[in-house]
């Protein structure tokens, strides 16, 4: 069973973030530049929220707001649903399904140590299943 700690060690601990007062346009630019669907909203080292492409589409575009003039704090999701490095991939998939989110910041103590997406979880499940298949095939061919 894969743990969140293993996921963030494999994918790296690079975190992308914006500040609450930054314009939404800056958040969208960063998401595009880093090829991610969500950013942490940080004030110093404190996690304030999360902003996703979904937030942008639903809270800026559909309401006719200006992405250059709207600050991130007005559309970010808060409080943030987080997980710890000691949780399982299955725990995270259940949480994402139940809460209808696609990204989960990973928090250890009071510090953000990573971020995982639904894509990361699906990849981990596929890898686990492939490993199980290989083990079963090896056992059968003995």
Protein backbone atom coordinates (compact mmCIF):
# COMPACT_ATOMS: atom_id res chain seq x y z
CA UNK A 1 0.00 0.00 0.00
CA UNK A 2 1.53 3.28 -1.12
CA UNK A 3 1.77 6.08 1.39
CA UNK A 4 1.63 9.82 0.66
CA UNK A 5 5.24 10.13 1.88
CA UNK A 6 6.36 7.82 -0.93
CA UNK A 7 4.40 9.82 -3.50
CA UNK A 8 5.93 13.16 -2.60
CA UNK A 9 9.43 11.65 -2.43
CA UNK A 10 8.99 10.29 -5.99
CA UNK A 11 7.46 13.39 -7.52
CA UNK A 12 9.57 15.89 -5.62
CA UNK A 13 8.73 18.49 -3.07
CA UNK A 14 8.60 21.51 -5.35
CA UNK A 15 5.76 23.76 -4.23
CA UNK A 16 4.15 26.47 -6.31
CA UNK A 17 2.27 29.20 -4.53
CA UNK A 18 0.84 32.69 -4.66
CA UNK A 19 -0.03 35.15 -1.94
CA UNK A 20 -3.62 36.05 -1.03
CA UNK A 21 -3.29 39.60 -2.38
CA UNK A 22 -1.82 38.54 -5.74
CA UNK A 23 -4.13 39.02 -8.73
CA UNK A 24 -5.84 35.90 -10.03
CA UNK A 25 -4.12 36.51 -13.37
CA UNK A 26 -0.75 35.85 -11.70
CA UNK A 27 -2.04 32.55 -10.32
CA UNK A 28 -3.28 31.50 -13.77
CA UNK A 29 0.09 32.44 -15.31
CA UNK A 30 1.93 30.32 -12.75
CA UNK A 31 -0.38 27.35 -13.26
CA UNK A 32 0.24 27.52 -17.01
CA UNK A 33 4.00 28.01 -16.59
CA UNK A 34 4.39 25.06 -14.21
CA UNK A 35 1.76 22.85 -15.90
CA UNK A 36 -0.26 22.40 -12.70
CA UNK A 37 -3.98 22.69 -11.99
CA UNK A 38 -3.75 24.33 -8.57
CA UNK A 39 -1.51 26.49 -6.42
CA UNK A 40 -1.11 26.87 -2.70
CA UNK A 41 -2.09 30.26 -1.30
CA UNK A 42 0.57 31.09 1.28
CA UNK A 43 1.16 34.01 3.59
CA UNK A 44 4.77 33.47 4.56
CA UNK A 45 4.91 29.83 5.63
CA UNK A 46 1.23 29.68 6.59
CA UNK A 47 -1.22 27.90 4.29
CA UNK A 48 -4.17 30.22 3.70
CA UNK A 49 -5.99 28.40 0.92
CA UNK A 50 -5.72 26.77 -2.47
CA UNK A 51 -6.63 28.16 -5.88
CA UNK A 52 -7.44 25.90 -8.80
CA UNK A 53 -8.40 26.21 -12.43
CA UNK A 54 -11.88 25.19 -11.31
CA UNK A 55 -12.02 28.17 -8.89
CA UNK A 56 -10.99 30.45 -11.75
CA UNK A 57 -13.61 29.09 -14.14
CA UNK A 58 -16.44 29.13 -11.63
CA UNK A 59 -15.68 32.26 -9.62
CA UNK A 60 -14.08 34.61 -12.13
CA UNK A 61 -15.10 33.70 -15.68
CA UNK A 62 -18.72 32.80 -14.94
CA UNK A 63 -19.20 35.95 -12.84
CA UNK A 64 -17.60 38.27 -15.38
CA UNK A 65 -14.87 39.37 -12.97
CA UNK A 66 -11.50 40.69 -14.07
CA UNK A 67 -8.66 38.25 -13.41
CA UNK A 68 -6.20 41.16 -13.38
CA UNK A 69 -8.15 43.02 -10.69
CA UNK A 70 -9.53 40.20 -8.53
CA UNK A 71 -7.22 39.17 -5.66
CA UNK A 72 -6.66 35.46 -5.08
CA UNK A 73 -8.16 35.57 -1.58
CA UNK A 74 -11.59 36.39 -3.03
CA UNK A 75 -11.83 33.13 -4.98
CA UNK A 76 -9.51 30.67 -3.18
CA UNK A 77 -10.86 27.61 -1.44
CA UNK A 78 -10.50 27.86 2.32
CA UNK A 79 -10.27 26.17 4.76
CA UNK A 80 -8.03 23.75 2.92
CA UNK A 81 -8.50 20.00 3.03
CA UNK A 82 -5.06 18.55 3.76
CA UNK A 83 -3.44 15.17 4.29
CA UNK A 84 -0.35 13.98 6.14
CA UNK A 85 2.61 12.02 4.74
CA UNK A 86 1.47 8.99 6.76
CA UNK A 87 -1.88 8.59 5.02
CA UNK A 88 -2.46 6.02 2.29
CA UNK A 89 -3.25 6.61 -1.36
CA UNK A 90 -6.62 4.95 -0.72
CA UNK A 91 -7.36 7.42 2.12
CA UNK A 92 -6.61 10.30 -0.25
CA UNK A 93 -8.73 8.90 -3.07
CA UNK A 94 -11.66 8.50 -0.69
CA UNK A 95 -11.21 12.06 0.60
CA UNK A 96 -10.96 13.52 -2.91
CA UNK A 97 -14.08 11.65 -4.02
CA UNK A 98 -16.07 12.56 -0.93
CA UNK A 99 -15.06 16.24 -0.91
CA UNK A 100 -14.95 16.67 -4.71
CA UNK A 101 -11.42 18.06 -4.84
CA UNK A 102 -8.54 17.25 -7.17
CA UNK A 103 -5.56 18.50 -5.15
CA UNK A 104 -4.47 17.94 -1.57
CA UNK A 105 -1.67 19.81 0.19
CA UNK A 106 0.48 17.51 2.32
CA UNK A 107 1.11 18.96 5.77
CA UNK A 108 3.53 17.67 8.39
CA UNK A 109 3.26 19.48 11.69
CA UNK A 110 2.43 23.03 10.64
CA UNK A 111 4.52 22.92 7.46
CA UNK A 112 3.41 22.21 3.91
CA UNK A 113 5.75 19.53 2.55
CA UNK A 114 4.09 18.71 -0.77
CA UNK A 115 1.00 18.64 -2.91
CA UNK A 116 -0.64 15.67 -4.57
CA UNK A 117 -3.21 15.55 -7.33
CA UNK A 118 -5.75 13.01 -8.48
CA UNK A 119 -3.33 12.21 -11.31
CA UNK A 120 -0.60 11.33 -8.80
CA UNK A 121 -2.98 8.98 -7.01
CA UNK A 122 -4.18 7.26 -10.17
CA UNK A 123 -0.57 6.76 -11.28
CA UNK A 124 0.30 5.22 -7.89
CA UNK A 125 -2.67 2.84 -8.03
CA UNK A 126 -1.72 1.71 -11.54
CA UNK A 127 1.89 1.15 -10.44
CA UNK A 128 0.73 -0.87 -7.41
CA UNK A 129 -1.55 -2.99 -9.60
CA UNK A 130 1.20 -3.56 -12.16
CA UNK A 131 3.56 -4.69 -9.40
CA UNK A 132 0.94 -7.10 -8.06
CA UNK A 133 0.36 -8.53 -11.55
CA UNK A 134 4.10 -9.04 -12.06
CA UNK A 135 4.41 -10.79 -8.69
CA UNK A 136 1.47 -13.08 -9.45
CA UNK A 137 2.83 -13.93 -12.91
CA UNK A 138 6.23 -14.69 -11.39
CA UNK A 139 4.61 -16.95 -8.79
CA UNK A 140 2.56 -18.78 -11.43
CA UNK A 141 5.58 -19.42 -13.68
CA UNK A 142 7.69 -20.99 -10.92
